[in-house]
Amino acid sequence: SGISAWRGSILDCTLPECEGVKVVTTYHPSYVLRDRQAYPIFDQDIKRVVLDSAFREKRLPERNYIIDPQGLALEEWTQRLCEAEYLGTDIETAMKSKHIWCIAFAPNPSTGVCIPFNDYTRPFIQRILSSPAKKIFHFGQFDTEQLWLNGMEVENYIHDTLFMQHILAPELPRSLDFITSIYTR
C-alpha cells in the first residue's frame, strides 16, 4: 500500500481506456514541493520516464531464478558460481538472530541462485564463498559478520553496493529496494 512500495516500477495501466500504456510510478509533484528530500528520488524517476518514453513496450529483462537446487543441480550450480568472475551475494536472516535462512548468488544480471542455509548445503556454500569469484554484497559488513558467526569464511569480497551508493549519491536512499528501483528494470 502507498506509492513508496511502487515508485520506480514500470506497470501496465489497468484502466480500459489506456490499454497498452505503461505507467512509471513516482511521487506526486505537490508532495515533492512539500518535502524537498523527495526531490532527488523524484528526479531519478523522471529520468526513467524520459528514457522509457522512447518506446511503447515495457522491455523488462528476462530473469532466471533457481530456488533450492538439489543433488546434481546443486553441484552444477556450485561449480558455475565458483567459476564466475563476479557474484552478487546476499543473505537473509531471522530478525535479531544469527540464524541465516538462505544465501543468494547472482553470477550475472539475469540469473539468481538461492540456496537454503542448512547442514547439507553448508559445504557447497563455503566452496562458493571461498572461490576466486569476486563477491559484491549489499551491506556486506552485516552479511559477512553473520556468515562468520555461522562458521563461514568469505574470500574476495570486493564491493558493497550500500557504501557505493552512499559515496556516489549521498542524497539518495541506500536500501537495496531503492537501489534496485533506479538501477534495474
Protein backbone atom coordinates (compact mmCIF):
# COMPACT_ATOMS: atom_id res chain seq x y z
CA SER A 1 0.00 0.00 0.00
CA GLY A 2 1.17 3.51 -0.71
CA ILE A 3 3.24 4.92 -3.53
CA SER A 4 6.56 4.25 -1.79
CA ALA A 5 6.05 0.50 -2.29
CA TRP A 6 5.50 1.00 -6.04
CA ARG A 7 7.62 4.02 -7.03
CA GLY A 8 10.17 3.25 -9.67
CA SER A 9 8.09 0.35 -11.01
CA ILE A 10 7.09 0.10 -14.66
CA LEU A 11 3.47 -1.09 -14.76
CA ASP A 12 0.64 -1.55 -17.23
CA CYS A 13 -2.23 0.92 -16.97
CA THR A 14 -5.29 -1.01 -15.73
CA LEU A 15 -7.95 1.39 -17.00
CA PRO A 16 -9.80 0.17 -20.12
CA GLU A 17 -9.27 3.48 -21.93
CA CYS A 18 -5.46 3.26 -21.63
CA GLU A 19 -4.86 -0.38 -22.61
CA GLY A 20 -1.27 -0.88 -23.80
CA VAL A 21 0.02 2.20 -21.96
CA LYS A 22 2.81 1.76 -19.44
CA VAL A 23 2.99 3.72 -16.22
CA VAL A 24 6.12 4.67 -14.28
CA THR A 25 5.15 5.37 -10.69
CA THR A 26 6.59 8.26 -8.70
CA TYR A 27 5.67 10.82 -6.09
CA HIS A 28 3.09 13.49 -6.83
CA PRO A 29 4.77 16.83 -7.65
CA SER A 30 2.90 18.58 -4.82
CA TYR A 31 4.41 16.08 -2.37
CA VAL A 32 7.88 16.87 -3.72
CA LEU A 33 7.22 20.59 -3.22
CA ARG A 34 6.25 19.94 0.41
CA ASP A 35 9.12 17.53 1.11
CA ARG A 36 12.29 18.67 -0.65
CA GLN A 37 14.12 15.49 0.43
CA ALA A 38 11.89 13.61 -2.02
CA TYR A 39 13.20 15.67 -4.96
CA PRO A 40 16.34 13.58 -5.72
CA ILE A 41 14.17 10.44 -5.81
CA PHE A 42 11.56 12.16 -7.98
CA ASP A 43 14.37 13.33 -10.28
CA GLN A 44 15.60 9.72 -10.75
CA ASP A 45 12.04 8.58 -11.53
CA ILE A 46 11.56 11.36 -14.11
CA LYS A 47 14.81 10.28 -15.80
CA ARG A 48 13.31 6.78 -16.09
CA VAL A 49 10.12 8.29 -17.57
CA VAL A 50 12.15 10.17 -20.18
CA LEU A 51 14.14 7.04 -21.13
CA ASP A 52 11.02 4.87 -21.26
CA SER A 53 9.08 7.38 -23.36
CA ALA A 54 11.23 6.38 -26.33
CA PHE A 55 9.34 3.06 -26.76
CA ARG A 56 5.84 1.67 -26.08
CA GLU A 57 6.61 -1.76 -24.61
CA LYS A 58 7.96 -2.29 -21.09
CA ARG A 59 11.13 -4.13 -22.22
CA LEU A 60 11.58 -5.91 -18.93
CA PRO A 61 14.63 -8.19 -18.88
CA GLU A 62 14.29 -11.96 -18.79
CA ARG A 63 15.25 -13.31 -15.37
CA ASN A 64 16.23 -16.84 -14.42
CA TYR A 65 15.74 -17.72 -10.75
CA ILE A 66 16.96 -21.02 -9.38
CA ILE A 67 15.45 -21.71 -5.96
CA ASP A 68 16.81 -24.52 -3.75
CA PRO A 69 18.82 -26.54 -6.28
CA GLN A 70 19.36 -30.07 -5.00
CA GLY A 71 21.51 -33.08 -5.80
CA LEU A 72 23.39 -32.84 -9.08
CA ALA A 73 21.84 -29.42 -9.82
CA LEU A 74 23.34 -28.05 -6.59
CA GLU A 75 26.78 -29.36 -7.55
CA GLU A 76 26.49 -27.95 -11.07
CA TRP A 77 25.41 -24.51 -9.81
CA THR A 78 28.14 -24.52 -7.17
CA GLN A 79 30.72 -25.12 -9.90
CA ARG A 80 29.24 -22.41 -12.17
CA LEU A 81 29.11 -19.90 -9.31
CA CYS A 82 32.70 -20.68 -8.27
CA GLU A 83 33.84 -20.01 -11.85
CA ALA A 84 32.00 -16.67 -12.19
CA GLU A 85 34.10 -13.52 -12.38
CA TYR A 86 31.70 -11.60 -10.10
CA LEU A 87 28.97 -12.76 -7.72
CA GLY A 88 26.27 -10.55 -6.30
CA THR A 89 25.80 -12.06 -2.84
CA ASP A 90 23.12 -11.57 -0.20
CA ILE A 91 21.90 -13.43 2.86
CA GLU A 92 18.51 -13.49 4.54
CA THR A 93 18.48 -13.80 8.32
CA ALA A 94 15.97 -14.13 11.13
CA MET A 95 15.42 -10.78 12.85
CA LYS A 96 17.69 -10.17 15.85
CA SER A 97 19.32 -13.56 15.42
CA LYS A 98 22.42 -15.01 13.81
CA HIS A 99 20.27 -17.63 12.06
CA ILE A 100 20.69 -17.49 8.28
CA TRP A 101 17.68 -18.66 6.24
CA CYS A 102 19.31 -18.66 2.82
CA ILE A 103 22.03 -17.14 0.69
CA ALA A 104 21.60 -15.94 -2.88
CA PHE A 105 24.20 -15.53 -5.59
CA ALA A 106 23.93 -13.70 -8.92
CA PRO A 107 26.66 -14.52 -11.45
CA ASN A 108 25.17 -12.07 -13.97
CA PRO A 109 22.32 -9.54 -14.13
CA SER A 110 19.77 -12.11 -15.34
CA THR A 111 20.48 -15.10 -13.07
CA GLY A 112 19.90 -15.59 -9.36
CA VAL A 113 20.52 -18.76 -7.37
CA CYS A 114 19.02 -19.03 -3.88
CA ILE A 115 20.38 -21.80 -1.63
CA PRO A 116 18.82 -22.59 1.77
CA PHE A 117 21.37 -22.43 4.58
CA ASN A 118 21.47 -25.81 6.33
CA ASP A 119 23.87 -28.61 7.22
CA TYR A 120 23.52 -30.26 3.80
CA THR A 121 24.20 -27.09 1.77
CA ARG A 122 26.88 -25.68 4.08
CA PRO A 123 29.88 -27.25 2.21
CA PHE A 124 28.53 -26.06 -1.16
CA ILE A 125 28.03 -22.53 0.16
CA GLN A 126 31.50 -22.49 1.70
CA ARG A 127 33.04 -23.53 -1.65
CA ILE A 128 31.29 -20.63 -3.35
CA LEU A 129 32.23 -18.12 -0.63
CA SER A 130 35.90 -19.16 -0.73
CA SER A 131 36.09 -19.30 -4.55
CA PRO A 132 38.09 -16.80 -6.63
CA ALA A 133 34.83 -15.15 -7.75
CA LYS A 134 34.73 -11.51 -6.64
CA LYS A 135 31.85 -11.03 -4.18
CA ILE A 136 29.66 -7.94 -4.14
CA PHE A 137 27.38 -7.54 -1.13
CA HIS A 138 24.75 -5.03 -0.09
CA PHE A 139 25.65 -4.07 3.49
CA GLY A 140 28.38 -6.69 3.43
CA GLN A 141 29.60 -5.65 6.85
CA PHE A 142 26.45 -7.23 8.30
CA ASP A 143 26.34 -10.22 5.92
CA THR A 144 29.99 -11.19 6.33
CA GLU A 145 29.73 -10.91 10.11
CA GLN A 146 26.63 -13.15 10.14
CA LEU A 147 28.40 -15.66 7.90
CA TRP A 148 31.45 -15.57 10.18
CA LEU A 149 29.22 -16.14 13.23
CA ASN A 150 27.92 -19.22 11.42
CA GLY A 151 31.44 -20.53 10.70
CA MET A 152 31.64 -19.35 7.08
CA GLU A 153 34.65 -17.52 5.65
CA VAL A 154 34.26 -15.10 2.74
CA GLU A 155 37.12 -14.56 0.32
CA ASN A 156 37.41 -11.93 -2.41
CA TYR A 157 34.80 -9.53 -1.01
CA ILE A 158 35.46 -6.50 -3.22
CA HIS A 159 32.44 -4.16 -3.18
CA ASP A 160 29.45 -3.12 -1.12
CA THR A 161 26.55 -1.56 -3.02
CA LEU A 162 25.25 0.20 0.11
CA PHE A 163 28.53 2.07 0.59
CA MET A 164 29.00 2.70 -3.14
CA GLN A 165 25.52 4.26 -3.33
CA HIS A 166 26.27 6.44 -0.30
CA ILE A 167 29.52 7.66 -1.85
CA LEU A 168 28.14 8.23 -5.36
CA ALA A 169 24.77 9.75 -4.40
CA PRO A 170 24.62 10.61 -0.68
CA GLU A 171 21.32 12.47 -1.17
CA LEU A 172 19.56 9.25 -2.19
CA PRO A 173 18.41 6.33 -0.02
CA ARG A 174 20.79 3.36 0.24
CA SER A 175 18.36 0.50 0.76
CA LEU A 176 18.56 -2.42 -1.64
CA ASP A 177 14.96 -1.95 -2.77
CA PHE A 178 15.64 1.70 -3.64
CA ILE A 179 18.89 0.94 -5.48
CA THR A 180 17.08 -1.78 -7.40
CA SER A 181 14.29 0.67 -8.29
CA ILE A 182 16.63 3.11 -10.00
CA TYR A 183 19.35 0.87 -11.48
CA THR A 184 17.30 -2.04 -12.81
CA ARG A 185 14.13 -2.52 -14.84
